[in-house]
Amino acid sequence: MAEFKRKTNVRFVEREDETQYIHIEPETKCSSVVGKSVRNVSQVLISEGCYELGTILHELMHVLGFVHEQNRPDRDEFIRVVWDNIQEGAKKNFQKFSPDVVTTLGSEYDYNSLMHYDANAFAINSSLPTLVPLRANTTLGNREGFSEKDLIRINTLYNCSSTAEMSEEPIVDKSLDRR
């Protein structure tokens, strides 16, 4: 959460009596709802295997409204999905969304995004890819930290045009939908 504070205008604050909030809890898997939950509680599940900075930032970006990069409407211009090598229960993670459901915020495709799966994510045969970049010599995804484009998107969605304009005031009730 300190990374968000250092690099974006998003602030996570401890809940007092807010009716809309994020609930982070230990669990056996790593997952999050995308955007504001209709139940007012946006749940983020973090298992012991997810205690790395990039993985936590990834799940928090989900709760802020961001989908996986490979789900973008324009993804077929940048990657090829190898459906035959994706584990059956994980195929939903590779579905392409329509432009009516999500927006790219006018940004370019980001092979290096925290929100991009790596080339072998959910592979049946881990020696073969599930995602193939159409640009040569390209690595997919990262779990190290925000990419430059991740920061641009967060700051665009949350109305911060530059780090110089960041406020110390938290954004307590930012309504989000998936578009």
N, C-alpha and C. Protein backbone atom coordinates (compact mmCIF):
# COMPACT_ATOMS: atom_id res chain seq x y z
N MET A 1 0.83 -1.19 0.00
CA MET A 1 0.00 0.00 0.00
C MET A 1 0.87 1.25 0.00
N ALA A 2 2.07 1.10 0.56
CA ALA A 2 3.00 2.22 0.54
C ALA A 2 3.43 2.54 -0.89
N GLU A 3 3.52 1.52 -1.76
CA GLU A 3 3.86 1.75 -3.17
C GLU A 3 2.80 2.61 -3.85
N PHE A 4 1.54 2.35 -3.55
CA PHE A 4 0.46 3.18 -4.12
C PHE A 4 0.63 4.62 -3.64
N LYS A 5 0.93 4.79 -2.37
CA LYS A 5 1.08 6.14 -1.82
C LYS A 5 2.27 6.86 -2.44
N ARG A 6 3.36 6.14 -2.65
CA ARG A 6 4.56 6.74 -3.22
C ARG A 6 4.39 7.13 -4.68
N LYS A 7 3.61 6.34 -5.44
CA LYS A 7 3.61 6.51 -6.88
C LYS A 7 2.27 6.90 -7.50
N THR A 8 1.21 6.95 -6.70
CA THR A 8 -0.11 7.27 -7.25
C THR A 8 -0.85 8.21 -6.30
N ASN A 9 -2.05 8.57 -6.70
CA ASN A 9 -2.91 9.40 -5.85
C ASN A 9 -3.89 8.55 -5.04
N VAL A 10 -3.74 7.24 -5.08
CA VAL A 10 -4.63 6.34 -4.34
C VAL A 10 -4.08 6.14 -2.94
N ARG A 11 -4.95 6.25 -1.96
CA ARG A 11 -4.59 6.02 -0.56
C ARG A 11 -5.52 4.98 0.03
N PHE A 12 -4.95 4.02 0.71
CA PHE A 12 -5.74 3.05 1.45
C PHE A 12 -5.71 3.48 2.90
N VAL A 13 -6.87 3.60 3.51
CA VAL A 13 -6.95 4.03 4.90
C VAL A 13 -7.68 2.97 5.70
N GLU A 14 -7.37 2.92 6.98
CA GLU A 14 -8.05 1.97 7.84
C GLU A 14 -9.53 2.33 7.94
N ARG A 15 -10.35 1.32 7.88
CA ARG A 15 -11.80 1.52 7.90
C ARG A 15 -12.24 1.95 9.30
N GLU A 16 -13.12 2.93 9.30
CA GLU A 16 -13.75 3.34 10.55
C GLU A 16 -15.21 2.92 10.49
N ASP A 17 -16.06 3.74 9.87
CA ASP A 17 -17.47 3.36 9.77
C ASP A 17 -17.97 3.43 8.33
N GLU A 18 -17.07 3.41 7.36
CA GLU A 18 -17.46 3.45 5.95
C GLU A 18 -18.28 2.21 5.61
N THR A 19 -19.28 2.40 4.77
CA THR A 19 -20.12 1.26 4.37
C THR A 19 -19.55 0.56 3.13
N GLN A 20 -18.68 1.23 2.38
CA GLN A 20 -18.01 0.62 1.24
C GLN A 20 -16.53 0.54 1.58
N TYR A 21 -15.98 -0.67 1.51
CA TYR A 21 -14.59 -0.83 1.91
C TYR A 21 -13.98 -2.09 1.30
N ILE A 22 -12.66 -2.17 1.43
CA ILE A 22 -11.91 -3.34 0.99
C ILE A 22 -11.61 -4.17 2.23
N HIS A 23 -11.87 -5.46 2.14
CA HIS A 23 -11.58 -6.38 3.24
C HIS A 23 -10.49 -7.34 2.76
N ILE A 24 -9.32 -7.26 3.38
CA ILE A 24 -8.20 -8.13 3.02
C ILE A 24 -8.09 -9.21 4.09
N GLU A 25 -8.05 -10.47 3.63
CA GLU A 25 -7.98 -11.55 4.61
C GLU A 25 -7.09 -12.68 4.10
N PRO A 26 -6.47 -13.39 5.05
CA PRO A 26 -5.65 -14.54 4.66
C PRO A 26 -6.55 -15.65 4.13
N GLU A 27 -6.06 -16.37 3.16
CA GLU A 27 -6.87 -17.41 2.52
C GLU A 27 -5.92 -18.41 1.88
N THR A 28 -6.45 -19.41 1.26
CA THR A 28 -5.62 -20.43 0.60
C THR A 28 -5.32 -20.09 -0.85
N LYS A 29 -5.81 -18.97 -1.34
CA LYS A 29 -5.54 -18.55 -2.72
C LYS A 29 -5.35 -17.05 -2.76
N CYS A 30 -4.96 -16.55 -3.92
CA CYS A 30 -4.79 -15.11 -4.13
C CYS A 30 -5.82 -14.67 -5.14
N SER A 31 -6.72 -13.79 -4.74
CA SER A 31 -7.73 -13.31 -5.68
C SER A 31 -8.38 -12.04 -5.14
N SER A 32 -9.08 -11.38 -6.04
CA SER A 32 -9.78 -10.16 -5.67
C SER A 32 -10.94 -9.95 -6.63
N VAL A 33 -11.96 -9.26 -6.15
CA VAL A 33 -13.01 -8.81 -7.05
C VAL A 33 -12.40 -7.70 -7.92
N VAL A 34 -13.03 -7.44 -9.05
CA VAL A 34 -12.59 -6.34 -9.91
C VAL A 34 -13.54 -5.17 -9.68
N GLY A 35 -12.98 -4.06 -9.19
CA GLY A 35 -13.79 -2.88 -8.96
C GLY A 35 -14.62 -2.97 -7.69
N LYS A 36 -15.52 -2.03 -7.57
CA LYS A 36 -16.37 -1.93 -6.38
C LYS A 36 -17.38 -3.07 -6.38
N SER A 37 -17.48 -3.76 -5.28
CA SER A 37 -18.42 -4.86 -5.15
C SER A 37 -19.84 -4.33 -4.96
N VAL A 38 -20.80 -5.04 -5.53
CA VAL A 38 -22.20 -4.64 -5.37
C VAL A 38 -22.65 -4.82 -3.92
N ARG A 39 -21.92 -5.63 -3.16
CA ARG A 39 -22.25 -5.84 -1.74
C ARG A 39 -21.57 -4.82 -0.84
N ASN A 40 -20.86 -3.86 -1.42
CA ASN A 40 -20.14 -2.81 -0.70
C ASN A 40 -18.84 -3.26 -0.05
N VAL A 41 -18.62 -4.56 0.08
CA VAL A 41 -17.37 -5.06 0.64
C VAL A 41 -16.58 -5.71 -0.49
N SER A 42 -15.46 -5.12 -0.84
CA SER A 42 -14.60 -5.68 -1.89
C SER A 42 -13.55 -6.54 -1.22
N GLN A 43 -13.64 -7.84 -1.44
CA GLN A 43 -12.78 -8.78 -0.75
C GLN A 43 -11.51 -9.06 -1.55
N VAL A 44 -10.38 -9.04 -0.84
CA VAL A 44 -9.08 -9.41 -1.40
C VAL A 44 -8.56 -10.56 -0.57
N LEU A 45 -8.29 -11.69 -1.21
CA LEU A 45 -7.79 -12.88 -0.52
C LEU A 45 -6.30 -13.02 -0.81
N ILE A 46 -5.52 -13.19 0.25
CA ILE A 46 -4.07 -13.30 0.11
C ILE A 46 -3.59 -14.52 0.88
N SER A 47 -2.99 -15.48 0.18
CA SER A 47 -2.43 -16.65 0.86
C SER A 47 -0.95 -16.40 1.16
N GLU A 48 -0.35 -17.30 1.94
CA GLU A 48 1.06 -17.15 2.27
C GLU A 48 1.94 -17.10 1.03
N GLY A 49 1.57 -17.81 -0.01
CA GLY A 49 2.34 -17.82 -1.24
C GLY A 49 2.24 -16.53 -2.04
N CYS A 50 1.44 -15.60 -1.57
CA CYS A 50 1.20 -14.34 -2.30
C CYS A 50 1.84 -13.14 -1.61
N TYR A 51 2.71 -13.36 -0.65
CA TYR A 51 3.24 -12.26 0.12
C TYR A 51 4.38 -11.51 -0.57
N GLU A 52 4.41 -11.54 -1.88
CA GLU A 52 5.40 -10.77 -2.62
C GLU A 52 4.77 -9.46 -3.07
N LEU A 53 5.57 -8.42 -3.12
CA LEU A 53 5.07 -7.08 -3.44
C LEU A 53 4.25 -7.05 -4.72
N GLY A 54 4.78 -7.59 -5.80
CA GLY A 54 4.08 -7.52 -7.08
C GLY A 54 2.74 -8.23 -7.08
N THR A 55 2.66 -9.35 -6.37
CA THR A 55 1.40 -10.10 -6.31
C THR A 55 0.35 -9.32 -5.52
N ILE A 56 0.76 -8.71 -4.43
CA ILE A 56 -0.18 -7.91 -3.63
C ILE A 56 -0.63 -6.68 -4.43
N LEU A 57 0.30 -6.01 -5.11
CA LEU A 57 -0.07 -4.87 -5.94
C LEU A 57 -1.04 -5.29 -7.04
N HIS A 58 -0.82 -6.46 -7.62
CA HIS A 58 -1.70 -7.00 -8.67
C HIS A 58 -3.12 -7.15 -8.13
N GLU A 59 -3.28 -7.76 -6.96
CA GLU A 59 -4.62 -7.96 -6.39
C GLU A 59 -5.26 -6.62 -6.01
N LEU A 60 -4.47 -5.68 -5.53
CA LEU A 60 -5.03 -4.36 -5.19
C LEU A 60 -5.43 -3.60 -6.46
N MET A 61 -4.71 -3.80 -7.55
CA MET A 61 -5.13 -3.16 -8.81
C MET A 61 -6.47 -3.73 -9.27
N HIS A 62 -6.69 -5.02 -9.04
CA HIS A 62 -8.00 -5.59 -9.36
C HIS A 62 -9.10 -4.85 -8.60
N VAL A 63 -8.91 -4.69 -7.30
CA VAL A 63 -9.96 -4.07 -6.49
C VAL A 63 -10.17 -2.61 -6.88
N LEU A 64 -9.16 -1.99 -7.49
CA LEU A 64 -9.30 -0.62 -7.97
C LEU A 64 -9.99 -0.56 -9.34
N GLY A 65 -10.25 -1.71 -9.93
CA GLY A 65 -11.01 -1.73 -11.18
C GLY A 65 -10.28 -2.24 -12.40
N PHE A 66 -9.07 -2.75 -12.24
CA PHE A 66 -8.27 -3.17 -13.39
C PHE A 66 -8.39 -4.67 -13.65
N VAL A 67 -8.61 -5.02 -14.92
CA VAL A 67 -8.66 -6.42 -15.33
C VAL A 67 -7.27 -6.83 -15.81
N HIS A 68 -7.10 -8.11 -16.07
CA HIS A 68 -5.83 -8.59 -16.61
C HIS A 68 -5.58 -7.98 -17.99
N GLU A 69 -4.34 -7.69 -18.26
CA GLU A 69 -3.96 -7.07 -19.54
C GLU A 69 -4.37 -7.96 -20.72
N GLN A 70 -4.23 -9.27 -20.56
CA GLN A 70 -4.57 -10.18 -21.66
C GLN A 70 -6.07 -10.29 -21.89
N ASN A 71 -6.89 -9.63 -21.08
CA ASN A 71 -8.34 -9.60 -21.27
C ASN A 71 -8.80 -8.39 -22.08
N ARG A 72 -7.88 -7.50 -22.43
CA ARG A 72 -8.25 -6.28 -23.16
C ARG A 72 -8.94 -6.61 -24.47
N PRO A 73 -9.83 -5.74 -24.92
CA PRO A 73 -10.52 -5.95 -26.19
C PRO A 73 -9.57 -6.05 -27.39
N ASP A 74 -8.42 -5.37 -27.31
CA ASP A 74 -7.47 -5.33 -28.43
C ASP A 74 -6.33 -6.33 -28.29
N ARG A 75 -6.41 -7.26 -27.37
CA ARG A 75 -5.29 -8.14 -27.07
C ARG A 75 -4.83 -8.98 -28.25
N ASP A 76 -5.73 -9.35 -29.16
CA ASP A 76 -5.35 -10.21 -30.29
C ASP A 76 -4.36 -9.53 -31.24
N GLU A 77 -4.22 -8.22 -31.13
CA GLU A 77 -3.22 -7.50 -31.92
C GLU A 77 -1.82 -7.64 -31.32
N PHE A 78 -1.75 -8.15 -30.07
CA PHE A 78 -0.48 -8.15 -29.34
C PHE A 78 -0.04 -9.53 -28.85
N ILE A 79 -0.99 -10.41 -28.58
CA ILE A 79 -0.66 -11.75 -28.10
C ILE A 79 -1.55 -12.80 -28.77
N ARG A 80 -1.07 -14.03 -28.73
CA ARG A 80 -1.87 -15.17 -29.17
C ARG A 80 -2.09 -16.05 -27.95
N VAL A 81 -3.34 -16.43 -27.71
CA VAL A 81 -3.68 -17.30 -26.59
C VAL A 81 -3.65 -18.74 -27.09
N VAL A 82 -2.93 -19.60 -26.37
CA VAL A 82 -2.81 -21.02 -26.72
C VAL A 82 -3.82 -21.79 -25.87
N TRP A 83 -5.07 -21.80 -26.32
CA TRP A 83 -6.18 -22.36 -25.55
C TRP A 83 -5.96 -23.82 -25.18
N ASP A 84 -5.34 -24.60 -26.06
CA ASP A 84 -5.16 -26.04 -25.82
C ASP A 84 -4.21 -26.33 -24.67
N ASN A 85 -3.42 -25.34 -24.24
CA ASN A 85 -2.48 -25.57 -23.14
C ASN A 85 -2.94 -24.93 -21.83
N ILE A 86 -4.13 -24.39 -21.78
CA ILE A 86 -4.63 -23.75 -20.55
C ILE A 86 -5.45 -24.75 -19.75
N GLN A 87 -5.17 -24.83 -18.45
CA GLN A 87 -5.94 -25.71 -17.56
C GLN A 87 -7.42 -25.37 -17.66
N GLU A 88 -8.24 -26.39 -17.66
CA GLU A 88 -9.68 -26.22 -17.91
C GLU A 88 -10.32 -25.17 -17.00
N GLY A 89 -10.09 -25.21 -15.71
CA GLY A 89 -10.73 -24.27 -14.79
C GLY A 89 -10.20 -22.85 -14.86
N ALA A 90 -9.11 -22.65 -15.60
CA ALA A 90 -8.48 -21.33 -15.67
C ALA A 90 -8.79 -20.57 -16.95
N LYS A 91 -9.51 -21.17 -17.87
CA LYS A 91 -9.75 -20.52 -19.17
C LYS A 91 -10.48 -19.19 -19.05
N LYS A 92 -11.28 -19.04 -18.02
CA LYS A 92 -12.00 -17.76 -17.83
C LYS A 92 -11.03 -16.60 -17.64
N ASN A 93 -9.84 -16.88 -17.12
CA ASN A 93 -8.84 -15.83 -16.90
C ASN A 93 -8.23 -15.31 -18.20
N PHE A 94 -8.54 -15.95 -19.31
CA PHE A 94 -7.98 -15.58 -20.60
C PHE A 94 -9.04 -15.06 -21.57
N GLN A 95 -10.27 -14.94 -21.11
CA GLN A 95 -11.35 -14.45 -21.97
C GLN A 95 -11.13 -12.98 -22.32
N LYS A 96 -11.39 -12.66 -23.56
CA LYS A 96 -11.26 -11.26 -24.01
C LYS A 96 -12.57 -10.54 -23.70
N PHE A 97 -12.46 -9.36 -23.09
CA PHE A 97 -13.64 -8.54 -22.80
C PHE A 97 -13.96 -7.64 -23.99
N SER A 98 -15.22 -7.30 -24.12
CA SER A 98 -15.62 -6.38 -25.18
C SER A 98 -15.35 -4.95 -24.72
N PRO A 99 -15.22 -4.01 -25.66
CA PRO A 99 -15.01 -2.61 -25.28
C PRO A 99 -16.19 -2.02 -24.53
N ASP A 100 -17.33 -2.68 -24.55
CA ASP A 100 -18.49 -2.22 -23.77
C ASP A 100 -18.33 -2.53 -22.29
N VAL A 101 -17.45 -3.47 -21.97
CA VAL A 101 -17.29 -3.92 -20.58
C VAL A 101 -16.08 -3.27 -19.91
N VAL A 102 -14.98 -3.13 -20.65
CA VAL A 102 -13.77 -2.53 -20.08
C VAL A 102 -13.23 -1.45 -21.01
N THR A 103 -12.42 -0.59 -20.45
CA THR A 103 -11.75 0.43 -21.24
C THR A 103 -10.24 0.28 -21.08
N THR A 104 -9.52 0.68 -22.09
CA THR A 104 -8.06 0.68 -22.02
C THR A 104 -7.54 2.01 -21.47
N LEU A 105 -8.45 2.93 -21.18
CA LEU A 105 -8.10 4.28 -20.74
C LEU A 105 -7.21 4.98 -21.76
N GLY A 106 -7.32 4.56 -23.02
CA GLY A 106 -6.54 5.18 -24.08
C GLY A 106 -5.07 4.81 -24.07
N SER A 107 -4.70 3.81 -23.29
CA SER A 107 -3.29 3.45 -23.17
C SER A 107 -2.91 2.31 -24.10
N GLU A 108 -1.64 2.24 -24.40
CA GLU A 108 -1.11 1.18 -25.25
C GLU A 108 -1.10 -0.13 -24.48
N TYR A 109 -1.03 -1.24 -25.21
CA TYR A 109 -0.91 -2.56 -24.61
C TYR A 109 0.39 -2.61 -23.83
N ASP A 110 0.36 -3.22 -22.65
CA ASP A 110 1.53 -3.24 -21.77
C ASP A 110 1.96 -4.67 -21.48
N TYR A 111 2.94 -5.16 -22.24
CA TYR A 111 3.46 -6.51 -22.02
C TYR A 111 4.05 -6.66 -20.62
N ASN A 112 4.51 -5.57 -20.04
CA ASN A 112 5.21 -5.60 -18.75
C ASN A 112 4.31 -5.26 -17.56
N SER A 113 3.04 -5.15 -17.77
CA SER A 113 2.12 -4.76 -16.70
C SER A 113 2.08 -5.78 -15.56
N LEU A 114 1.88 -5.27 -14.35
CA LEU A 114 1.58 -6.14 -13.21
C LEU A 114 0.33 -6.97 -13.48
N MET A 115 -0.53 -6.47 -14.34
CA MET A 115 -1.80 -7.13 -14.62
C MET A 115 -1.70 -8.14 -15.76
N HIS A 116 -0.52 -8.35 -16.31
CA HIS A 116 -0.34 -9.31 -17.40
C HIS A 116 0.18 -10.62 -16.83
N TYR A 117 -0.43 -11.73 -17.22
CA TYR A 117 0.10 -13.04 -16.86
C TYR A 117 1.41 -13.28 -17.59
N ASP A 118 2.23 -14.17 -17.02
CA ASP A 118 3.44 -14.56 -17.72
C ASP A 118 3.09 -15.56 -18.82
N ALA A 119 4.06 -15.90 -19.63
CA ALA A 119 3.82 -16.71 -20.82
C ALA A 119 3.33 -18.12 -20.52
N ASN A 120 3.57 -18.63 -19.32
CA ASN A 120 3.20 -20.01 -18.98
C ASN A 120 2.11 -20.10 -17.92
N ALA A 121 1.41 -19.02 -17.68
CA ALA A 121 0.38 -19.01 -16.63
C ALA A 121 -0.68 -20.08 -16.90
N PHE A 122 -0.98 -20.86 -15.88
CA PHE A 122 -2.03 -21.89 -15.92
C PHE A 122 -1.81 -22.91 -17.05
N ALA A 123 -0.55 -23.21 -17.34
CA ALA A 123 -0.24 -24.15 -18.42
C ALA A 123 -0.49 -25.59 -18.00
N ILE A 124 -1.05 -26.37 -18.90
CA ILE A 124 -1.15 -27.81 -18.71
C ILE A 124 0.26 -28.40 -18.77
N ASN A 125 1.00 -28.01 -19.79
CA ASN A 125 2.39 -28.41 -19.96
C ASN A 125 3.23 -27.15 -19.75
N SER A 126 3.90 -27.06 -18.61
CA SER A 126 4.61 -25.83 -18.25
C SER A 126 5.80 -25.52 -19.15
N SER A 127 6.21 -26.47 -19.99
CA SER A 127 7.30 -26.18 -20.92
C SER A 127 6.79 -25.50 -22.19
N LEU A 128 5.46 -25.37 -22.30
CA LEU A 128 4.85 -24.70 -23.44
C LEU A 128 4.07 -23.47 -22.97
N PRO A 129 4.00 -22.43 -23.79
CA PRO A 129 3.31 -21.20 -23.36
C PRO A 129 1.79 -21.31 -23.44
N THR A 130 1.14 -20.45 -22.68
CA THR A 130 -0.30 -20.23 -22.81
C THR A 130 -0.55 -18.90 -23.51
N LEU A 131 0.44 -18.02 -23.46
CA LEU A 131 0.37 -16.71 -24.12
C LEU A 131 1.65 -16.50 -24.92
N VAL A 132 1.49 -16.09 -26.16
CA VAL A 132 2.65 -15.85 -27.03
C VAL A 132 2.60 -14.41 -27.51
N PRO A 133 3.62 -13.60 -27.15
CA PRO A 133 3.63 -12.22 -27.64
C PRO A 133 3.86 -12.18 -29.14
N LEU A 134 3.17 -11.30 -29.83
CA LEU A 134 3.34 -11.17 -31.27
C LEU A 134 4.55 -10.29 -31.61
N ARG A 135 5.09 -9.61 -30.62
CA ARG A 135 6.32 -8.82 -30.80
C ARG A 135 7.50 -9.69 -30.37
N ALA A 136 8.50 -9.82 -31.21
CA ALA A 136 9.65 -10.68 -30.93
C ALA A 136 10.40 -10.23 -29.69
N ASN A 137 11.02 -11.19 -29.02
CA ASN A 137 11.88 -10.94 -27.86
C ASN A 137 11.18 -10.15 -26.76
N THR A 138 9.94 -10.52 -26.46
CA THR A 138 9.15 -9.82 -25.46
C THR A 138 8.83 -10.75 -24.30
N THR A 139 9.07 -10.27 -23.09
CA THR A 139 8.71 -11.00 -21.89
C THR A 139 7.34 -10.51 -21.44
N LEU A 140 6.52 -11.42 -20.98
CA LEU A 140 5.17 -11.05 -20.55
C LEU A 140 5.08 -10.93 -19.04
N GLY A 141 4.47 -9.85 -18.58
CA GLY A 141 4.14 -9.64 -17.18
C GLY A 141 5.35 -9.42 -16.29
N ASN A 142 5.04 -9.02 -15.08
CA ASN A 142 6.06 -8.90 -14.04
C ASN A 142 5.37 -8.92 -12.70
N ARG A 143 6.08 -9.32 -11.67
CA ARG A 143 5.57 -9.27 -10.30
C ARG A 143 6.57 -8.54 -9.41
N GLU A 144 7.29 -7.61 -10.04
CA GLU A 144 8.28 -6.82 -9.31
C GLU A 144 7.71 -5.51 -8.81
N GLY A 145 6.91 -4.85 -9.62
CA GLY A 145 6.36 -3.56 -9.27
C GLY A 145 5.59 -2.98 -10.44
N PHE A 146 5.06 -1.79 -10.24
CA PHE A 146 4.28 -1.13 -11.28
C PHE A 146 5.11 -0.91 -12.53
N SER A 147 4.52 -1.12 -13.68
CA SER A 147 5.16 -0.67 -14.92
C SER A 147 4.81 0.82 -15.07
N GLU A 148 5.50 1.48 -15.97
CA GLU A 148 5.21 2.89 -16.22
C GLU A 148 3.75 3.07 -16.67
N LYS A 149 3.29 2.16 -17.53
CA LYS A 149 1.91 2.25 -18.02
C LYS A 149 0.89 1.93 -16.93
N ASP A 150 1.23 1.03 -15.99
CA ASP A 150 0.34 0.78 -14.85
C ASP A 150 0.09 2.08 -14.10
N LEU A 151 1.17 2.81 -13.84
CA LEU A 151 1.05 4.07 -13.09
C LEU A 151 0.24 5.11 -13.86
N ILE A 152 0.46 5.19 -15.16
CA ILE A 152 -0.32 6.13 -15.97
C ILE A 152 -1.80 5.79 -15.88
N ARG A 153 -2.13 4.52 -15.97
CA ARG A 153 -3.54 4.10 -15.91
C ARG A 153 -4.17 4.38 -14.55
N ILE A 154 -3.47 4.05 -13.49
CA ILE A 154 -4.01 4.31 -12.15
C ILE A 154 -4.24 5.80 -11.97
N ASN A 155 -3.23 6.60 -12.32
CA ASN A 155 -3.35 8.04 -12.14
C ASN A 155 -4.38 8.66 -13.07
N THR A 156 -4.61 8.06 -14.23
CA THR A 156 -5.67 8.53 -15.13
C THR A 156 -7.04 8.22 -14.53
N LEU A 157 -7.23 6.99 -14.09
CA LEU A 157 -8.52 6.59 -13.54
C LEU A 157 -8.86 7.38 -12.28
N TYR A 158 -7.85 7.66 -11.48
CA TYR A 158 -8.08 8.37 -10.22
C TYR A 158 -7.72 9.85 -10.29
N ASN A 159 -7.75 10.40 -11.49
CA ASN A 159 -7.63 11.84 -11.71
C ASN A 159 -6.37 12.48 -11.14
N CYS A 160 -5.25 11.88 -11.43
CA CYS A 160 -3.98 12.48 -11.02
C CYS A 160 -3.07 12.51 -12.24
N SER A 161 -2.84 13.68 -12.78
CA SER A 161 -2.08 13.78 -14.03
C SER A 161 -0.57 13.66 -13.82
N SER A 162 -0.10 13.91 -12.61
CA SER A 162 1.33 13.74 -12.35
C SER A 162 1.55 13.56 -10.86
N THR A 163 2.73 13.03 -10.51
CA THR A 163 3.03 12.81 -9.10
C THR A 163 3.13 14.13 -8.34
N ALA A 164 3.42 15.22 -9.04
CA ALA A 164 3.52 16.52 -8.38
C ALA A 164 2.17 16.98 -7.85
N GLU A 165 1.08 16.46 -8.42
CA GLU A 165 -0.25 16.88 -8.00
C GLU A 165 -0.86 15.97 -6.94
N MET A 166 -0.14 14.97 -6.48
CA MET A 166 -0.71 14.01 -5.55
C MET A 166 -1.06 14.66 -4.23
N SER A 167 -2.18 14.25 -3.72
CA SER A 167 -2.69 14.78 -2.46
C SER A 167 -2.41 13.82 -1.33
N GLU A 168 -2.28 14.33 -0.13
CA GLU A 168 -2.18 13.48 1.05
C GLU A 168 -3.55 13.02 1.51
N GLU A 169 -4.60 13.64 0.99
CA GLU A 169 -5.96 13.27 1.37
C GLU A 169 -6.36 11.95 0.71
N PRO A 170 -6.91 11.01 1.48
CA PRO A 170 -7.32 9.75 0.87
C PRO A 170 -8.58 9.89 0.03
N ILE A 171 -8.69 9.04 -0.96
CA ILE A 171 -9.93 8.92 -1.73
C ILE A 171 -10.72 7.83 -1.05
N VAL A 172 -11.72 8.20 -0.27
CA VAL A 172 -12.44 7.24 0.55
C VAL A 172 -13.53 6.53 -0.22
N ASP A 173 -14.27 7.22 -1.06
CA ASP A 173 -15.41 6.61 -1.74
C ASP A 173 -15.33 6.89 -3.23
N LYS A 174 -14.48 6.17 -3.90
CA LYS A 174 -14.32 6.35 -5.35
C LYS A 174 -15.15 5.28 -6.03
N SER A 175 -16.24 5.66 -6.65
CA SER A 175 -17.11 4.69 -7.32
C SER A 175 -16.46 4.22 -8.60
N LEU A 176 -16.46 2.92 -8.80
CA LEU A 176 -15.87 2.32 -9.98
C LEU A 176 -16.84 1.38 -10.63
N ASP A 177 -16.83 1.37 -11.92
CA ASP A 177 -17.42 0.25 -12.63
C ASP A 177 -16.31 -0.32 -13.49
N ARG A 178 -16.58 -1.33 -14.26
CA ARG A 178 -15.54 -2.00 -15.02
C ARG A 178 -15.25 -1.32 -16.33
N ARG A 179 -15.81 -0.14 -16.59
CA ARG A 179 -15.54 0.55 -17.84
C ARG A 179 -14.68 1.75 -17.60
